[in-house]
Amino acid sequence: MSAPAAQPPVDPSAVDPTDYPRKVLFVAGAGRSGTSTMAGLMQILGLHVPQPEVAADETNPKGFGEPAWAVEHHDRLLKEAGVQVSDSRPDAWFETGRVSTREKERITTAEWLESHFAVSSELVVKDPRLAWFLSLWRVAAVRTGATPVFATMLRPPAEVVGSKQTYYKNRLGSAHLAASWLNMLLHTERATRASAEAGAAGADGPVDGSARVFVRYGDLLDDWTRTCMHAGETLGLQHVLHARSEQIRDGHRFVDPSLRRVTQSLEDLGLPKRLHDLTADTWAELNKLADPGGDTPEVHRTLDQLREAYVELYEESEAISRSSVVAAEQRVRRELKGRAPAGRPGASPAPAAPAGDLADRLPHGLRAAIPPSVRRGLRKAVGKTRS
């Protein structure tokens, strides 16, 4: 029997994008880890970023690639859950997970996605807050008949910390930011693992058909075409696989190797030893996921152990620092009491300071450690003294 004739290459111009199956690419990862560059490249290659977008600024002159609606959506949900964007508490995942199961939020999120499929069958949604609500977005995508796929950006944690301190004027300190990076990445990896586990077990894949990739920011800057094409093939992104030459040229103009403006090592952060070691070990394991064939059960088990070790470290630190939290609460109460009306005949009530003024008197580390319920109570108390 003669060998089959070689098939001619597919002409991208002959492919109708309206025939592509629905797919949503969720770009996750810690802020300042290259998520904007990844989303921007996917947009150039043909995926649709739902409009309007967050406007570029001096912290990200190339643009964020973020749908403004998604950012506002996440901000509202985080406030309801009592969770910060860079929250280092392992329990914060329970709070955002509880919000993600609300049927009202699932309906709202699915309806928003559905409205943008009228523009393109392949969407890209990116926001540093996104990882807190991956389960919400996965359900919403499936309800619209779309396949959710995930790209998690990896950048050395010391560079992420340094970039946040430089561009966001973050004063929470290196230890807090490193801990929040650990919390974010370890739980994001676990939340996107379903597809990798199904493949390793020899199954046809997860029920929703999802897949994931891990992308090093350095690889994206060094050779973005190879990195993005690998992501396109792994995730089945048709716009990437059928990208035209002019889109490739636009991508070359978009990627600037000098975007990696902050370079420092983990040693430069001066972290406590256990936190330093956990961060270094986690970074080493996450890097394996970005290698071909590196998304293995062995790596998953090690990451599970690291996640458990981080939870243990956080719980110990929280228990030890309880006195600092109590001292911060008492300090705020003294401030409030000192600003109450004196009660003397003819005395004028002292003007009450806004809640923000009192909060600014507390060290940021202590402010973040005060339980949300206590913070809410203090805000109410401030409101009563002002009324």
Protein backbone atom coordinates (compact mmCIF):
# COMPACT_ATOMS: atom_id res chain seq x y z
CA MET A 1 0.00 0.00 0.00
CA SER A 2 1.39 3.36 -0.98
CA ALA A 3 1.94 6.04 1.63
CA PRO A 4 -0.82 8.66 1.86
CA ALA A 5 -0.16 11.91 0.08
CA ALA A 6 1.11 14.75 2.26
CA GLN A 7 -1.60 17.23 3.21
CA PRO A 8 -1.00 20.86 2.21
CA PRO A 9 -0.67 23.33 5.10
CA VAL A 10 -3.87 25.02 6.20
CA ASP A 11 -4.28 28.56 4.90
CA PRO A 12 -5.31 30.71 7.89
CA SER A 13 -7.34 32.96 5.59
CA ALA A 14 -9.48 29.99 4.59
CA VAL A 15 -10.52 29.27 8.18
CA ASP A 16 -13.71 30.91 9.41
CA PRO A 17 -13.23 32.09 13.04
CA THR A 18 -16.99 31.95 13.58
CA ASP A 19 -16.70 28.17 13.35
CA TYR A 20 -14.29 27.96 16.30
CA PRO A 21 -15.77 26.31 19.39
CA ARG A 22 -16.42 28.54 22.38
CA LYS A 23 -13.50 28.81 24.74
CA VAL A 24 -12.49 31.16 27.59
CA LEU A 25 -8.84 31.57 28.49
CA PHE A 26 -8.41 32.63 32.11
CA VAL A 27 -4.99 34.19 32.75
CA ALA A 28 -4.17 33.77 36.44
CA GLY A 29 -1.24 34.50 38.71
CA ALA A 30 -0.01 37.04 41.20
CA GLY A 31 -0.06 40.69 40.20
CA ARG A 32 3.14 41.91 38.48
CA SER A 33 3.94 38.41 37.20
CA GLY A 34 3.39 38.99 33.48
CA THR A 35 -0.35 38.39 33.29
CA SER A 36 -0.86 41.64 31.34
CA THR A 37 1.78 40.69 28.77
CA MET A 38 0.21 37.27 28.29
CA ALA A 39 -3.31 38.68 27.93
CA GLY A 40 -2.07 41.39 25.56
CA LEU A 41 -0.39 38.85 23.30
CA MET A 42 -3.46 36.65 23.22
CA GLN A 43 -5.50 39.68 22.25
CA ILE A 44 -3.08 40.50 19.42
CA LEU A 45 -3.30 36.90 18.18
CA GLY A 46 -7.06 37.13 17.92
CA LEU A 47 -8.70 36.32 21.25
CA HIS A 48 -11.20 38.91 22.41
CA VAL A 49 -10.75 40.89 25.63
CA PRO A 50 -14.29 41.94 26.64
CA GLN A 51 -14.65 45.69 26.43
CA PRO A 52 -14.21 48.21 27.89
CA GLU A 53 -10.71 47.58 29.17
CA VAL A 54 -8.89 49.10 32.12
CA ALA A 55 -6.83 51.99 30.71
CA ALA A 56 -3.03 51.77 30.62
CA ASP A 57 -1.08 53.88 33.09
CA GLU A 58 2.50 54.49 34.20
CA THR A 59 2.61 51.20 36.13
CA ASN A 60 1.67 49.27 32.98
CA PRO A 61 2.23 51.43 29.89
CA LYS A 62 1.55 48.57 27.46
CA GLY A 63 -1.93 48.08 28.91
CA PHE A 64 -3.47 45.65 31.36
CA GLY A 65 -5.63 43.51 29.06
CA GLU A 66 -8.28 43.53 31.79
CA PRO A 67 -12.04 43.81 31.25
CA ALA A 68 -13.21 46.68 33.45
CA TRP A 69 -16.39 44.78 34.37
CA ALA A 70 -14.41 41.80 35.68
CA VAL A 71 -12.22 44.06 37.84
CA GLU A 72 -15.25 45.78 39.37
CA HIS A 73 -16.97 42.40 39.79
CA HIS A 74 -13.97 40.98 41.67
CA ASP A 75 -13.56 44.11 43.81
CA ARG A 76 -17.16 43.83 44.98
CA LEU A 77 -16.90 40.11 45.70
CA LEU A 78 -13.62 40.53 47.59
CA LYS A 79 -15.19 43.21 49.81
CA GLU A 80 -18.15 40.95 50.53
CA ALA A 81 -15.79 38.10 51.40
CA GLY A 82 -13.55 40.34 53.55
CA VAL A 83 -10.48 39.37 51.51
CA GLN A 84 -7.61 41.53 50.23
CA VAL A 85 -6.15 41.23 46.73
CA SER A 86 -2.80 40.16 48.22
CA ASP A 87 -4.19 38.18 51.14
CA SER A 88 -1.82 35.77 52.82
CA ARG A 89 -4.45 33.96 54.90
CA PRO A 90 -5.14 30.36 53.82
CA ASP A 91 -8.69 30.79 55.20
CA ALA A 92 -9.29 33.55 52.65
CA TRP A 93 -9.84 30.84 50.03
CA PHE A 94 -12.76 29.48 52.03
CA GLU A 95 -14.33 32.95 52.16
CA THR A 96 -14.04 33.59 48.41
CA GLY A 97 -15.12 30.02 47.68
CA ARG A 98 -18.27 30.59 49.72
CA VAL A 99 -19.08 33.69 47.67
CA SER A 100 -18.37 31.80 44.43
CA THR A 101 -21.11 29.26 45.13
CA ARG A 102 -23.87 31.86 45.20
CA GLU A 103 -26.30 31.15 42.40
CA LYS A 104 -26.92 34.85 41.81
CA GLU A 105 -23.21 35.45 41.14
CA ARG A 106 -22.99 32.43 38.83
CA ILE A 107 -25.94 33.69 36.79
CA THR A 108 -24.54 37.23 36.59
CA THR A 109 -21.08 36.00 35.54
CA ALA A 110 -22.46 33.59 32.93
CA GLU A 111 -24.72 36.27 31.44
CA TRP A 112 -21.77 38.64 31.12
CA LEU A 113 -19.68 35.99 29.33
CA GLU A 114 -22.59 35.11 27.05
CA SER A 115 -22.94 38.72 25.94
CA HIS A 116 -19.35 38.81 24.69
CA PHE A 117 -19.52 35.61 22.65
CA ALA A 118 -21.45 37.72 20.15
CA VAL A 119 -18.08 39.33 19.32
CA SER A 120 -15.82 36.26 19.32
CA SER A 121 -15.97 32.57 20.15
CA GLU A 122 -12.67 32.78 22.07
CA LEU A 123 -12.37 35.16 25.00
CA VAL A 124 -9.52 36.00 27.35
CA VAL A 125 -10.27 37.15 30.91
CA LYS A 126 -7.44 38.40 33.08
CA ASP A 127 -7.23 40.17 36.44
CA PRO A 128 -4.89 39.60 39.43
CA ARG A 129 -8.05 39.06 41.51
CA LEU A 130 -9.24 36.32 39.16
CA ALA A 131 -7.61 33.41 40.99
CA TRP A 132 -9.79 33.99 44.04
CA PHE A 133 -12.86 33.12 41.97
CA LEU A 134 -11.71 30.42 39.54
CA SER A 135 -14.53 28.07 40.49
CA LEU A 136 -17.09 30.80 39.80
CA TRP A 137 -15.67 31.45 36.34
CA ARG A 138 -15.35 27.76 35.51
CA VAL A 139 -19.03 27.19 36.23
CA ALA A 140 -20.03 30.33 34.34
CA ALA A 141 -18.05 29.30 31.26
CA VAL A 142 -19.55 25.81 31.21
CA ARG A 143 -23.05 27.27 31.48
CA THR A 144 -22.46 29.22 28.28
CA GLY A 145 -21.33 26.08 26.46
CA ALA A 146 -17.69 27.20 26.51
CA THR A 147 -14.57 25.29 27.55
CA PRO A 148 -12.60 26.99 30.35
CA VAL A 149 -8.82 26.82 29.98
CA PHE A 150 -6.15 28.31 32.25
CA ALA A 151 -2.74 29.94 31.87
CA THR A 152 -0.91 30.67 35.12
CA MET A 153 2.02 33.06 34.93
CA LEU A 154 5.22 32.32 36.84
CA ARG A 155 7.72 35.00 37.81
CA PRO A 156 10.40 34.70 40.51
CA PRO A 157 8.72 35.69 43.79
CA ALA A 158 11.44 38.18 44.69
CA GLU A 159 10.77 40.06 41.43
CA VAL A 160 7.02 40.04 42.07
CA VAL A 161 7.56 41.46 45.56
CA GLY A 162 9.99 44.08 44.30
CA SER A 163 7.69 45.12 41.46
CA LYS A 164 4.72 45.54 43.80
CA GLN A 165 6.78 47.62 46.19
CA THR A 166 8.08 49.77 43.34
CA TYR A 167 4.96 50.35 41.24
CA TYR A 168 2.17 49.98 43.79
CA LYS A 169 3.98 51.80 46.65
CA ASN A 170 3.14 48.77 48.78
CA ARG A 171 4.19 49.21 52.40
CA LEU A 172 3.10 45.85 53.78
CA GLY A 173 6.66 44.53 53.77
CA SER A 174 8.53 41.77 51.97
CA ALA A 175 7.45 38.99 54.35
CA HIS A 176 3.76 39.73 53.86
CA LEU A 177 4.09 40.00 50.08
CA ALA A 178 6.11 36.79 49.85
CA ALA A 179 3.51 34.99 51.97
CA SER A 180 0.68 36.30 49.80
CA TRP A 181 2.56 35.06 46.70
CA LEU A 182 2.83 31.61 48.30
CA ASN A 183 -0.83 31.60 49.25
CA MET A 184 -1.91 32.70 45.77
CA LEU A 185 0.24 30.35 43.71
CA LEU A 186 -0.18 27.21 45.82
CA HIS A 187 -3.96 27.48 45.81
CA THR A 188 -4.20 28.56 42.18
CA GLU A 189 -2.22 25.50 41.17
CA ARG A 190 -4.58 23.27 43.14
CA ALA A 191 -7.69 24.96 41.74
CA THR A 192 -6.61 24.43 38.10
CA ARG A 193 -5.33 20.89 38.58
CA ALA A 194 -8.41 18.90 37.47
CA SER A 195 -7.33 18.60 33.85
CA ALA A 196 -3.79 17.52 34.68
CA GLU A 197 -4.97 14.85 37.11
CA ALA A 198 -7.49 13.46 34.63
CA GLY A 199 -4.82 13.19 31.97
CA ALA A 200 -2.35 11.50 34.31
CA ALA A 201 -5.01 8.94 35.27
CA GLY A 202 -5.45 7.99 31.63
CA ALA A 203 -8.97 9.42 31.43
CA ASP A 204 -10.36 11.32 28.47
CA GLY A 205 -10.12 14.51 30.47
CA PRO A 206 -12.25 16.45 32.92
CA VAL A 207 -15.97 16.79 32.31
CA ASP A 208 -15.67 20.40 31.16
CA GLY A 209 -12.72 19.63 28.85
CA SER A 210 -10.49 22.18 30.57
CA ALA A 211 -6.72 22.27 30.25
CA ARG A 212 -3.95 24.35 31.75
CA VAL A 213 -0.46 25.65 31.10
CA PHE A 214 2.13 27.35 33.28
CA VAL A 215 4.12 30.10 31.58
CA ARG A 216 7.36 31.61 32.81
CA TYR A 217 7.42 35.36 32.37
CA GLY A 218 11.08 35.11 31.35
CA ASP A 219 10.21 32.63 28.58
CA LEU A 220 7.52 34.95 27.31
CA LEU A 221 9.97 37.85 27.02
CA ASP A 222 12.76 35.71 25.53
CA ASP A 223 10.71 33.90 22.85
CA TRP A 224 7.06 34.84 22.97
CA THR A 225 6.12 33.11 19.69
CA ARG A 226 7.32 29.71 20.85
CA THR A 227 5.78 30.17 24.30
CA CYS A 228 2.40 31.34 23.00
CA MET A 229 2.23 28.67 20.31
CA HIS A 230 2.87 26.01 22.94
CA ALA A 231 0.01 27.47 25.00
CA GLY A 232 -2.21 27.58 21.92
CA GLU A 233 -1.54 23.94 21.09
CA THR A 234 -1.99 22.73 24.67
CA LEU A 235 -5.19 24.69 25.24
CA GLY A 236 -6.61 24.33 21.73
CA LEU A 237 -6.83 28.08 21.07
CA GLN A 238 -7.77 28.30 17.39
CA HIS A 239 -7.00 31.99 16.97
CA VAL A 240 -3.44 31.36 18.15
CA LEU A 241 -3.00 28.29 15.95
CA HIS A 242 -4.22 30.21 12.89
CA ALA A 243 -2.48 33.51 13.64
CA ARG A 244 -1.56 35.59 10.58
CA SER A 245 1.85 37.03 9.79
CA GLU A 246 0.76 40.61 10.51
CA GLN A 247 -0.40 39.54 13.97
CA ILE A 248 3.01 37.99 14.62
CA ARG A 249 4.65 41.26 13.62
CA ASP A 250 2.35 43.16 15.99
CA GLY A 251 3.35 40.75 18.74
CA HIS A 252 7.04 41.45 18.16
CA ARG A 253 6.34 45.17 18.49
CA PHE A 254 4.33 44.60 21.67
CA VAL A 255 6.88 42.51 23.59
CA ASP A 256 9.71 44.52 25.07
CA PRO A 257 12.43 42.55 26.93
CA SER A 258 13.03 45.64 29.06
CA LEU A 259 9.59 45.05 30.61
CA ARG A 260 11.47 43.01 33.21
CA ARG A 261 12.50 46.15 35.06
CA VAL A 262 12.81 44.66 38.55
CA THR A 263 15.45 42.00 39.16
CA GLN A 264 16.39 40.86 42.64
CA SER A 265 16.93 37.56 44.42
CA LEU A 266 15.08 35.93 47.28
CA GLU A 267 18.07 36.64 49.52
CA ASP A 268 17.53 40.35 48.96
CA LEU A 269 14.14 40.19 50.73
CA GLY A 270 15.55 39.18 54.11
CA LEU A 271 12.67 36.79 54.85
CA PRO A 272 12.36 34.64 58.01
CA LYS A 273 14.11 31.33 57.35
CA ARG A 274 11.05 29.06 57.19
CA LEU A 275 9.22 31.47 54.91
CA HIS A 276 12.34 31.82 52.75
CA ASP A 277 12.72 28.05 52.40
CA LEU A 278 9.04 27.48 51.64
CA THR A 279 9.10 30.20 48.99
CA ALA A 280 12.26 28.81 47.37
CA ASP A 281 10.95 25.23 47.35
CA THR A 282 7.58 26.28 45.95
CA TRP A 283 9.23 28.27 43.17
CA ALA A 284 11.37 25.26 42.24
CA GLU A 285 8.34 22.96 42.04
CA LEU A 286 6.18 25.42 40.10
CA ASN A 287 8.98 25.77 37.56
CA LYS A 288 8.71 22.06 36.82
CA LEU A 289 5.09 22.57 35.74
CA ALA A 290 6.27 24.88 32.95
CA ASP A 291 8.61 22.21 31.52
CA PRO A 292 7.35 19.81 28.82
CA GLY A 293 5.81 16.84 30.59
CA GLY A 294 6.41 18.44 33.97
CA ASP A 295 2.78 18.55 35.13
CA THR A 296 3.00 15.22 36.96
CA PRO A 297 1.43 13.57 40.03
CA GLU A 298 4.82 13.64 41.75
CA VAL A 299 5.02 17.40 41.48
CA HIS A 300 1.40 17.69 42.63
CA ARG A 301 2.15 15.69 45.77
CA THR A 302 5.14 17.87 46.60
CA LEU A 303 3.07 21.03 46.10
CA ASP A 304 0.36 19.60 48.37
CA GLN A 305 2.99 19.10 51.06
CA LEU A 306 4.28 22.64 50.61
CA ARG A 307 0.74 24.01 50.82
CA GLU A 308 0.17 22.13 54.08
CA ALA A 309 3.49 23.42 55.42
CA TYR A 310 2.50 26.99 54.58
CA VAL A 311 -0.85 26.62 56.34
CA GLU A 312 0.96 25.30 59.41
CA LEU A 313 3.46 28.17 59.33
CA TYR A 314 0.69 30.75 58.98
CA GLU A 315 -1.36 29.29 61.82
CA GLU A 316 1.68 29.32 64.11
CA SER A 317 2.52 32.91 63.16
CA GLU A 318 -1.09 33.99 63.66
CA ALA A 319 -1.23 32.42 67.11
CA ILE A 320 2.06 34.02 68.18
CA SER A 321 1.12 37.49 66.89
CA ARG A 322 -2.31 37.63 68.56
CA SER A 323 -0.98 40.12 71.12
CA SER A 324 -0.10 42.53 68.31
CA VAL A 325 -3.64 42.29 66.96
CA VAL A 326 -5.16 42.93 70.39
CA ALA A 327 -2.80 45.88 70.92
CA ALA A 328 -3.86 47.35 67.57
CA GLU A 329 -7.54 46.98 68.48
CA GLN A 330 -6.99 48.68 71.84
CA ARG A 331 -5.05 51.50 70.23
CA VAL A 332 -7.91 52.25 67.84
CA ARG A 333 -10.44 52.15 70.68
CA ARG A 334 -8.34 54.64 72.68
CA GLU A 335 -8.26 56.92 69.65
CA LEU A 336 -12.03 56.73 69.38
CA LYS A 337 -12.55 57.33 73.10
CA GLY A 338 -10.20 60.29 73.06
CA ARG A 339 -12.18 61.93 70.27
CA ALA A 340 -15.57 61.52 72.00
CA PRO A 341 -17.33 64.71 73.28
CA ALA A 342 -15.99 65.82 76.65
CA GLY A 343 -19.48 66.17 78.20
CA ARG A 344 -18.70 69.44 80.09
CA PRO A 345 -21.34 72.19 80.06
CA GLY A 346 -20.69 74.45 77.13
CA ALA A 347 -17.93 72.26 75.74
CA SER A 348 -17.86 71.87 71.98
CA PRO A 349 -17.62 68.32 70.70
CA ALA A 350 -14.21 67.55 69.29
CA PRO A 351 -14.36 66.86 65.56
CA ALA A 352 -14.14 63.16 64.89
CA ALA A 353 -11.45 62.04 62.52
CA PRO A 354 -12.47 60.04 59.46
CA ALA A 355 -12.04 56.29 59.77
CA GLY A 356 -9.25 56.40 57.25
CA ASP A 357 -7.23 58.81 59.41
CA LEU A 358 -7.38 56.44 62.36
CA ALA A 359 -6.55 53.46 60.22
CA ASP A 360 -3.50 55.22 58.83
CA ARG A 361 -2.10 55.49 62.35
CA LEU A 362 -1.78 51.71 62.50
CA PRO A 363 1.16 49.86 60.96
CA HIS A 364 0.00 48.17 57.77
CA GLY A 365 1.03 44.78 59.05
CA LEU A 366 -1.18 45.13 62.11
CA ARG A 367 -4.06 46.58 60.11
CA ALA A 368 -4.06 43.56 57.81
CA ALA A 369 -4.00 41.22 60.80
CA ILE A 370 -7.14 42.65 62.44
CA PRO A 371 -10.06 40.29 61.79
CA PRO A 372 -12.64 41.67 59.31
CA SER A 373 -15.40 41.49 61.95
CA VAL A 374 -13.39 43.74 64.27
CA ARG A 375 -12.63 46.18 61.45
CA ARG A 376 -16.32 46.38 60.60
CA GLY A 377 -17.19 47.06 64.24
CA LEU A 378 -14.63 49.84 64.45
CA ARG A 379 -15.95 51.45 61.27
CA LYS A 380 -19.46 51.41 62.77
CA ALA A 381 -18.16 52.96 65.96
CA VAL A 382 -16.45 55.73 63.99
CA GLY A 383 -19.68 56.36 62.14
CA LYS A 384 -21.59 56.78 65.41
CA THR A 385 -19.10 59.31 66.79
CA ARG A 386 -19.39 61.32 63.58
CA SER A 387 -23.20 61.35 63.51
